[in-house]
Every structure is written in structure tokens, then in C-alpha cells.
Amino acid sequence: MLQMFAKAFGVVFVTLGILGFVPALTPDGKLLGIFEVGTVHNIIHLASGLVALATGFSSEYASRKYFQVFGVVYGLVTVLGIFYGNNDILGIVEHNVADIFLHAAITAATLYLGFGYRDRGVHTTAV
């Protein structure tokens, strides 16, 4: 099941990375007029999405590790975002307060998937 979630995350992040380069969807450098984006931010979304897809097509173990690492990294990004406010994180990654809230939600979801999620599906055992 984690592979399916990783594939879904991958598709969403790759899509967002691509859409971030579409001027009609990024008035004033804000995706949908809300989330701050730019070249670096879009490339990070593309890379995150491609890694998610790679792990999603690889194994449950790889998908779990992806969510664990991704959750911790996004947690750090969230904290840095709070520290930097509306300024570029580390002076290179475009973001704003709306991104902080989105990153916090992504952090919560990915940490749950990486550390808390357990497949409740039917399992058979050999007798």
C-alpha cells in the first residue's frame, strides 16, 4: 500500500513542479496565486516527485524509507520556513507563509506514512 501512496505523492509533486513553470498559473511567482514558487522550488518538487515514483515502483521498504526521510526533511523545511518567514529559505528556496502551512501538513502525512502506517490488509500465514 505504501508503494501506491509513494506513486501518488510522486505524481502530485512532479505535476506541481511542472505547473510551477507555467506563467499563467504562477502570477507574481505564486502557484495559483497562493504558494510562492520559483526555479529552485520547482526543481525540488520535480526531484522529490521522481524519487517518490522510483521508490513507489521499487518496494514497500523503499517507499517506507522515502516517507521517513521525506517527512524528516519536510519537517526541517517547515521549521526553517517559520524561521525565515516570507524570505527565501537559506537565501535560495522561494517560499511564503502559505508554504509553511502546506509543508507542515505534508510533514504530518509523510511522517505518519513512514513511521506510523501499518497495512491492515488480510494476510495469510502458512500452517
C-alpha atoms as a PDB file:
ATOM      1  CA  MET A   1       0.000   0.000   0.000  1.00  0.00           C
ATOM      2  CA  LEU A   2       2.873   2.398   0.732  1.00  0.00           C
ATOM      3  CA  GLN A   3       4.021   1.916  -2.848  1.00  0.00           C
ATOM      4  CA  MET A   4       0.666   3.243  -4.029  1.00  0.00           C
ATOM      5  CA  PHE A   5       0.978   6.270  -1.723  1.00  0.00           C
ATOM      6  CA  ALA A   6       4.537   6.905  -2.935  1.00  0.00           C
ATOM      7  CA  LYS A   7       3.382   6.778  -6.555  1.00  0.00           C
ATOM      8  CA  ALA A   8       0.541   9.206  -5.751  1.00  0.00           C
ATOM      9  CA  PHE A   9       2.945  11.587  -3.994  1.00  0.00           C
ATOM     10  CA  GLY A  10       5.269  11.279  -6.976  1.00  0.00           C
ATOM     11  CA  VAL A  11       2.594  12.191  -9.487  1.00  0.00           C
ATOM     12  CA  VAL A  12       1.429  15.148  -7.396  1.00  0.00           C
ATOM     13  CA  PHE A  13       4.939  16.530  -6.837  1.00  0.00           C
ATOM     14  CA  VAL A  14       6.032  16.094 -10.458  1.00  0.00           C
ATOM     15  CA  THR A  15       2.808  17.764 -11.582  1.00  0.00           C
ATOM     16  CA  LEU A  16       3.323  20.669  -9.158  1.00  0.00           C
ATOM     17  CA  GLY A  17       6.934  21.005 -10.279  1.00  0.00           C
ATOM     18  CA  ILE A  18       5.823  21.290 -13.901  1.00  0.00           C
ATOM     19  CA  LEU A  19       2.903  23.622 -13.152  1.00  0.00           C
ATOM     20  CA  GLY A  20       5.271  25.913 -11.252  1.00  0.00           C
ATOM     21  CA  PHE A  21       6.926  26.709 -14.580  1.00  0.00           C
ATOM     22  CA  VAL A  22       3.633  27.706 -16.263  1.00  0.00           C
ATOM     23  CA  PRO A  23       3.399  31.519 -16.184  1.00  0.00           C
ATOM     24  CA  ALA A  24      -0.408  31.555 -16.450  1.00  0.00           C
ATOM     25  CA  LEU A  25      -0.627  29.523 -13.213  1.00  0.00           C
ATOM     26  CA  THR A  26       2.051  31.481 -11.357  1.00  0.00           C
ATOM     27  CA  PRO A  27       1.024  35.144 -11.312  1.00  0.00           C
ATOM     28  CA  ASP A  28       3.560  37.166  -9.324  1.00  0.00           C
ATOM     29  CA  GLY A  29       5.581  33.977  -8.714  1.00  0.00           C
ATOM     30  CA  LYS A  30       2.802  32.305  -6.766  1.00  0.00           C
ATOM     31  CA  LEU A  31       1.324  28.984  -7.881  1.00  0.00           C
ATOM     32  CA  LEU A  32      -2.427  29.501  -8.164  1.00  0.00           C
ATOM     33  CA  GLY A  33      -1.767  32.940  -6.696  1.00  0.00           C
ATOM     34  CA  ILE A  34      -1.097  31.380  -3.255  1.00  0.00           C
ATOM     35  CA  PHE A  35       2.132  29.379  -2.932  1.00  0.00           C
ATOM     36  CA  GLU A  36       5.487  31.023  -3.625  1.00  0.00           C
ATOM     37  CA  VAL A  37       7.391  29.184  -6.360  1.00  0.00           C
ATOM     38  CA  GLY A  38      10.458  29.706  -8.461  1.00  0.00           C
ATOM     39  CA  THR A  39      13.016  27.699 -10.358  1.00  0.00           C
ATOM     40  CA  VAL A  40      14.693  26.182  -7.282  1.00  0.00           C
ATOM     41  CA  HIS A  41      11.376  25.393  -5.595  1.00  0.00           C
ATOM     42  CA  ASN A  42      10.038  23.771  -8.777  1.00  0.00           C
ATOM     43  CA  ILE A  43      13.170  21.672  -9.246  1.00  0.00           C
ATOM     44  CA  ILE A  44      12.883  20.461  -5.651  1.00  0.00           C
ATOM     45  CA  HIS A  45       9.272  19.413  -6.340  1.00  0.00           C
ATOM     46  CA  LEU A  46      10.313  17.600  -9.513  1.00  0.00           C
ATOM     47  CA  ALA A  47      13.189  15.796  -7.776  1.00  0.00           C
ATOM     48  CA  SER A  48      11.021  14.861  -4.781  1.00  0.00           C
ATOM     49  CA  GLY A  49       8.356  13.514  -7.109  1.00  0.00           C
ATOM     50  CA  LEU A  50      10.798  11.489  -9.194  1.00  0.00           C
ATOM     51  CA  VAL A  51      12.304   9.911  -6.081  1.00  0.00           C
ATOM     52  CA  ALA A  52       8.796   9.116  -4.803  1.00  0.00           C
ATOM     53  CA  LEU A  53       7.941   7.446  -8.115  1.00  0.00           C
ATOM     54  CA  ALA A  54      11.195   5.471  -8.087  1.00  0.00           C
ATOM     55  CA  THR A  55      10.546   4.165  -4.582  1.00  0.00           C
ATOM     56  CA  GLY A  56       6.878   3.540  -5.355  1.00  0.00           C
ATOM     57  CA  PHE A  57       7.849   1.308  -8.257  1.00  0.00           C
ATOM     58  CA  SER A  58      10.603  -0.338  -6.221  1.00  0.00           C
ATOM     59  CA  SER A  59       9.265  -1.836  -2.975  1.00  0.00           C
ATOM     60  CA  GLU A  60       7.251  -1.291   0.188  1.00  0.00           C
ATOM     61  CA  TYR A  61      10.521  -0.995   2.116  1.00  0.00           C
ATOM     62  CA  ALA A  62      11.871   1.707  -0.219  1.00  0.00           C
ATOM     63  CA  SER A  63       8.541   3.549  -0.065  1.00  0.00           C
ATOM     64  CA  ARG A  64       8.550   3.493   3.750  1.00  0.00           C
ATOM     65  CA  LYS A  65      12.132   4.810   3.816  1.00  0.00           C
ATOM     66  CA  TYR A  66      11.156   7.543   1.347  1.00  0.00           C
ATOM     67  CA  PHE A  67       8.341   8.711   3.620  1.00  0.00           C
ATOM     68  CA  GLN A  68      10.584   8.562   6.692  1.00  0.00           C
ATOM     69  CA  VAL A  69      13.347  10.638   5.093  1.00  0.00           C
ATOM     70  CA  PHE A  70      10.932  12.916   3.253  1.00  0.00           C
ATOM     71  CA  GLY A  71       8.955  13.530   6.474  1.00  0.00           C
ATOM     72  CA  VAL A  72      12.057  14.481   8.435  1.00  0.00           C
ATOM     73  CA  VAL A  73      13.350  16.710   5.629  1.00  0.00           C
ATOM     74  CA  TYR A  74       9.981  18.436   5.219  1.00  0.00           C
ATOM     75  CA  GLY A  75       9.814  18.875   8.993  1.00  0.00           C
ATOM     76  CA  LEU A  76      13.145  20.684   8.788  1.00  0.00           C
ATOM     77  CA  VAL A  77      11.876  22.744   5.840  1.00  0.00           C
ATOM     78  CA  THR A  78       8.798  23.672   7.881  1.00  0.00           C
ATOM     79  CA  VAL A  79      10.905  24.818  10.841  1.00  0.00           C
ATOM     80  CA  LEU A  80      13.256  26.748   8.547  1.00  0.00           C
ATOM     81  CA  GLY A  81      10.219  28.293   6.866  1.00  0.00           C
ATOM     82  CA  ILE A  82       8.941  29.533  10.211  1.00  0.00           C
ATOM     83  CA  PHE A  83      12.371  30.985  10.980  1.00  0.00           C
ATOM     84  CA  TYR A  84      12.717  32.687   7.565  1.00  0.00           C
ATOM     85  CA  GLY A  85       9.100  33.905   7.325  1.00  0.00           C
ATOM     86  CA  ASN A  86       8.434  35.244   3.821  1.00  0.00           C
ATOM     87  CA  ASN A  87      12.141  35.325   2.908  1.00  0.00           C
ATOM     88  CA  ASP A  88      13.852  32.683   0.780  1.00  0.00           C
ATOM     89  CA  ILE A  89      14.976  29.679   2.853  1.00  0.00           C
ATOM     90  CA  LEU A  90      18.780  29.770   3.102  1.00  0.00           C
ATOM     91  CA  GLY A  91      18.561  32.609   0.596  1.00  0.00           C
ATOM     92  CA  ILE A  92      17.816  30.181  -2.282  1.00  0.00           C
ATOM     93  CA  VAL A  93      14.431  28.438  -1.906  1.00  0.00           C
ATOM     94  CA  GLU A  94      11.427  30.634  -2.599  1.00  0.00           C
ATOM     95  CA  HIS A  95       8.566  30.266  -0.126  1.00  0.00           C
ATOM     96  CA  ASN A  96       5.936  32.133   1.870  1.00  0.00           C
ATOM     97  CA  VAL A  97       3.657  31.619   4.876  1.00  0.00           C
ATOM     98  CA  ALA A  98       1.160  29.578   2.816  1.00  0.00           C
ATOM     99  CA  ASP A  99       4.003  27.175   2.004  1.00  0.00           C
ATOM    100  CA  ILE A 100       4.749  26.775   5.717  1.00  0.00           C
ATOM    101  CA  PHE A 101       1.230  25.509   6.402  1.00  0.00           C
ATOM    102  CA  LEU A 102       1.339  23.195   3.378  1.00  0.00           C
ATOM    103  CA  HIS A 103       4.778  21.890   4.384  1.00  0.00           C
ATOM    104  CA  ALA A 104       3.519  21.236   7.925  1.00  0.00           C
ATOM    105  CA  ALA A 105       0.620  19.167   6.539  1.00  0.00           C
ATOM    106  CA  ILE A 106       2.979  17.275   4.221  1.00  0.00           C
ATOM    107  CA  THR A 107       5.304  16.647   7.163  1.00  0.00           C
ATOM    108  CA  ALA A 108       2.485  15.194   9.264  1.00  0.00           C
ATOM    109  CA  ALA A 109       1.239  12.956   6.449  1.00  0.00           C
ATOM    110  CA  THR A 110       4.655  11.658   5.435  1.00  0.00           C
ATOM    111  CA  LEU A 111       5.843  11.053   8.997  1.00  0.00           C
ATOM    112  CA  TYR A 112       2.671   9.057   9.609  1.00  0.00           C
ATOM    113  CA  LEU A 113       3.178   7.057   6.416  1.00  0.00           C
ATOM    114  CA  GLY A 114       6.856   6.493   7.169  1.00  0.00           C
ATOM    115  CA  PHE A 115       6.680   5.672  10.859  1.00  0.00           C
ATOM    116  CA  GLY A 116       3.081   5.012  11.868  1.00  0.00           C
ATOM    117  CA  TYR A 117       1.234   3.467   8.945  1.00  0.00           C
ATOM    118  CA  ARG A 118       0.658  -0.278   9.048  1.00  0.00           C
ATOM    119  CA  ASP A 119      -1.136  -2.120   6.278  1.00  0.00           C
ATOM    120  CA  ARG A 120      -4.343  -3.548   7.728  1.00  0.00           C
ATOM    121  CA  GLY A 121      -4.949  -5.805   4.741  1.00  0.00           C
ATOM    122  CA  VAL A 122      -5.691  -9.505   5.012  1.00  0.00           C
ATOM    123  CA  HIS A 123      -2.538 -11.548   5.437  1.00  0.00           C
ATOM    124  CA  THR A 124      -2.311 -15.282   5.288  1.00  0.00           C
ATOM    125  CA  THR A 125       0.193 -17.331   7.190  1.00  0.00           C
ATOM    126  CA  ALA A 126       1.483 -20.764   6.416  1.00  0.00           C
ATOM    127  CA  VAL A 127       0.254 -23.525   8.707  1.00  0.00           C
END
